Amino acid sequence: MDFSIDLTEFPSAVHSGIYCLARGFVLLKRSLTGIEDADMRASCVDLHKFLIAIYADMYDNAEAWHLPVHALEDFRGEKYDAATGHNTKKYAKAVSLTNNAASRYLLTLHRMAVYGELRGD
């Protein structure tokens, strides 16, 4: 998936979410401004490429990442509770699953980086 193109239609809401997350990354030209250290610049470029590659693979192979691709589109229940006028719990769960589908992987990577500890090689 090439995230440098402008898309307006997506196969599912999950795909739209992945696209928006990837498009939200700061461009390397801007994020590397002011970083003089060549090793740090190279590390930033590598990390950026790695994360974009993850999102591209998620977009292209959503089922392989166990993402709820059509959870929202396949929702067939009542959207609103007639008594309260609020969203039903099942609908709210479908929305939550869809909105948080891709971001949980980056949160896991972030937690590993922050709390992880290297041992041995």
Protein backbone atom coordinates (compact mmCIF):
# COMPACT_ATOMS: atom_id res chain seq x y z
CA MET A 1 0.00 0.00 0.00
CA ASP A 2 1.27 3.42 -0.94
CA PHE A 3 0.19 5.90 1.73
CA SER A 4 1.40 8.89 -0.26
CA ILE A 5 -1.70 8.85 -2.47
CA ASP A 6 -5.01 10.44 -1.51
CA LEU A 7 -7.76 7.86 -1.08
CA THR A 8 -11.38 8.51 -0.27
CA GLU A 9 -12.84 5.01 -0.57
CA PHE A 10 -11.76 1.95 1.40
CA PRO A 11 -12.72 -1.74 1.56
CA SER A 12 -13.75 -1.35 5.21
CA ALA A 13 -13.64 1.01 8.16
CA VAL A 14 -10.59 -0.87 9.47
CA HIS A 15 -8.74 -0.14 6.23
CA SER A 16 -9.70 3.52 6.54
CA GLY A 17 -8.31 3.57 10.09
CA ILE A 18 -5.02 2.01 9.04
CA TYR A 19 -4.72 4.50 6.18
CA CYS A 20 -5.37 7.45 8.51
CA LEU A 21 -2.83 6.22 11.07
CA ALA A 22 -0.13 5.81 8.42
CA ARG A 23 -0.91 9.18 6.84
CA GLY A 24 -0.61 10.76 10.29
CA PHE A 25 3.11 10.01 10.53
CA VAL A 26 5.26 13.10 10.36
CA LEU A 27 7.22 13.27 7.13
CA LEU A 28 10.87 12.37 7.52
CA LYS A 29 12.02 15.65 6.01
CA ARG A 30 10.26 17.50 8.80
CA SER A 31 11.00 15.11 11.67
CA LEU A 32 14.73 14.93 10.88
CA THR A 33 15.13 18.70 10.87
CA GLY A 34 17.73 19.65 13.45
CA ILE A 35 19.10 16.14 13.98
CA GLU A 36 22.80 16.29 13.18
CA ASP A 37 23.92 12.86 14.39
CA ALA A 38 24.16 10.54 11.37
CA ASP A 39 23.46 7.40 13.42
CA MET A 40 20.34 8.95 14.95
CA ARG A 41 19.12 10.06 11.51
CA ALA A 42 19.66 6.55 10.13
CA SER A 43 17.81 5.03 13.10
CA CYS A 44 14.87 7.39 12.60
CA VAL A 45 14.68 6.52 8.90
CA ASP A 46 14.79 2.79 9.69
CA LEU A 47 12.06 3.10 12.33
CA HIS A 48 9.87 5.12 9.98
CA LYS A 49 10.27 2.55 7.19
CA PHE A 50 9.56 -0.28 9.64
CA LEU A 51 6.33 1.27 10.92
CA ILE A 52 5.08 2.18 7.44
CA ALA A 53 5.84 -1.39 6.31
CA ILE A 54 3.76 -2.73 9.21
CA TYR A 55 0.82 -0.50 8.29
CA ALA A 56 1.15 -1.41 4.60
CA ASP A 57 1.07 -5.11 5.46
CA MET A 58 -1.88 -4.57 7.80
CA TYR A 59 -3.74 -2.78 5.01
CA ASP A 60 -2.94 -5.42 2.39
CA ASN A 61 -3.36 -8.47 4.68
CA ALA A 62 -5.79 -7.37 7.39
CA GLU A 63 -7.12 -10.87 8.02
CA ALA A 64 -3.60 -12.21 8.63
CA TRP A 65 -3.23 -9.61 11.40
CA HIS A 66 -6.55 -10.81 12.89
CA LEU A 67 -8.12 -7.40 12.43
CA PRO A 68 -11.93 -7.20 12.65
CA VAL A 69 -12.18 -6.15 9.01
CA HIS A 70 -15.95 -5.97 8.68
CA ALA A 71 -17.06 -5.80 12.31
CA LEU A 72 -18.75 -2.45 11.76
CA GLU A 73 -20.01 -3.14 8.24
CA ASP A 74 -21.48 -6.50 9.30
CA PHE A 75 -23.25 -5.08 12.34
CA ARG A 76 -26.89 -5.97 11.84
CA GLY A 77 -28.35 -5.20 15.25
CA GLU A 78 -30.15 -2.13 16.45
CA LYS A 79 -27.86 0.87 16.52
CA TYR A 80 -29.75 2.77 19.21
CA ASP A 81 -31.51 1.70 22.37
CA ALA A 82 -35.09 2.86 21.93
CA ALA A 83 -35.54 3.58 25.64
CA THR A 84 -32.42 5.73 26.12
CA GLY A 85 -31.62 6.90 22.61
CA HIS A 86 -27.97 5.89 23.16
CA ASN A 87 -25.88 3.46 21.14
CA THR A 88 -26.37 -0.16 22.10
CA LYS A 89 -23.46 -1.98 23.73
CA LYS A 90 -23.04 -4.31 20.75
CA TYR A 91 -22.82 -1.41 18.34
CA ALA A 92 -20.42 0.50 20.60
CA LYS A 93 -18.23 -2.62 20.80
CA ALA A 94 -18.16 -2.92 16.98
CA VAL A 95 -17.15 0.74 16.71
CA SER A 96 -14.47 0.34 19.39
CA LEU A 97 -13.04 -2.81 17.78
CA THR A 98 -12.88 -1.05 14.43
CA ASN A 99 -11.33 2.17 15.73
CA ASN A 100 -8.67 0.44 17.83
CA ALA A 101 -7.89 -2.47 15.49
CA ALA A 102 -4.53 -1.35 14.10
CA SER A 103 -3.34 0.89 16.92
CA ARG A 104 -3.09 -1.96 19.43
CA TYR A 105 -0.10 -3.39 17.55
CA LEU A 106 1.84 -0.14 17.76
CA LEU A 107 0.90 0.19 21.41
CA THR A 108 2.37 -3.28 21.98
CA LEU A 109 5.59 -2.32 20.17
CA HIS A 110 5.78 0.88 22.22
CA ARG A 111 5.34 -1.03 25.49
CA MET A 112 8.04 -3.50 24.46
CA ALA A 113 10.43 -0.64 23.74
CA VAL A 114 9.67 1.20 26.98
CA TYR A 115 9.44 -1.72 29.39
CA GLY A 116 11.45 -4.37 27.59
CA GLU A 117 14.88 -5.43 28.66
CA LEU A 118 17.62 -6.85 26.46
CA ARG A 119 19.24 -10.02 27.74
CA GLY A 120 22.12 -11.82 26.12
CA ASP A 121 22.37 -11.36 22.37
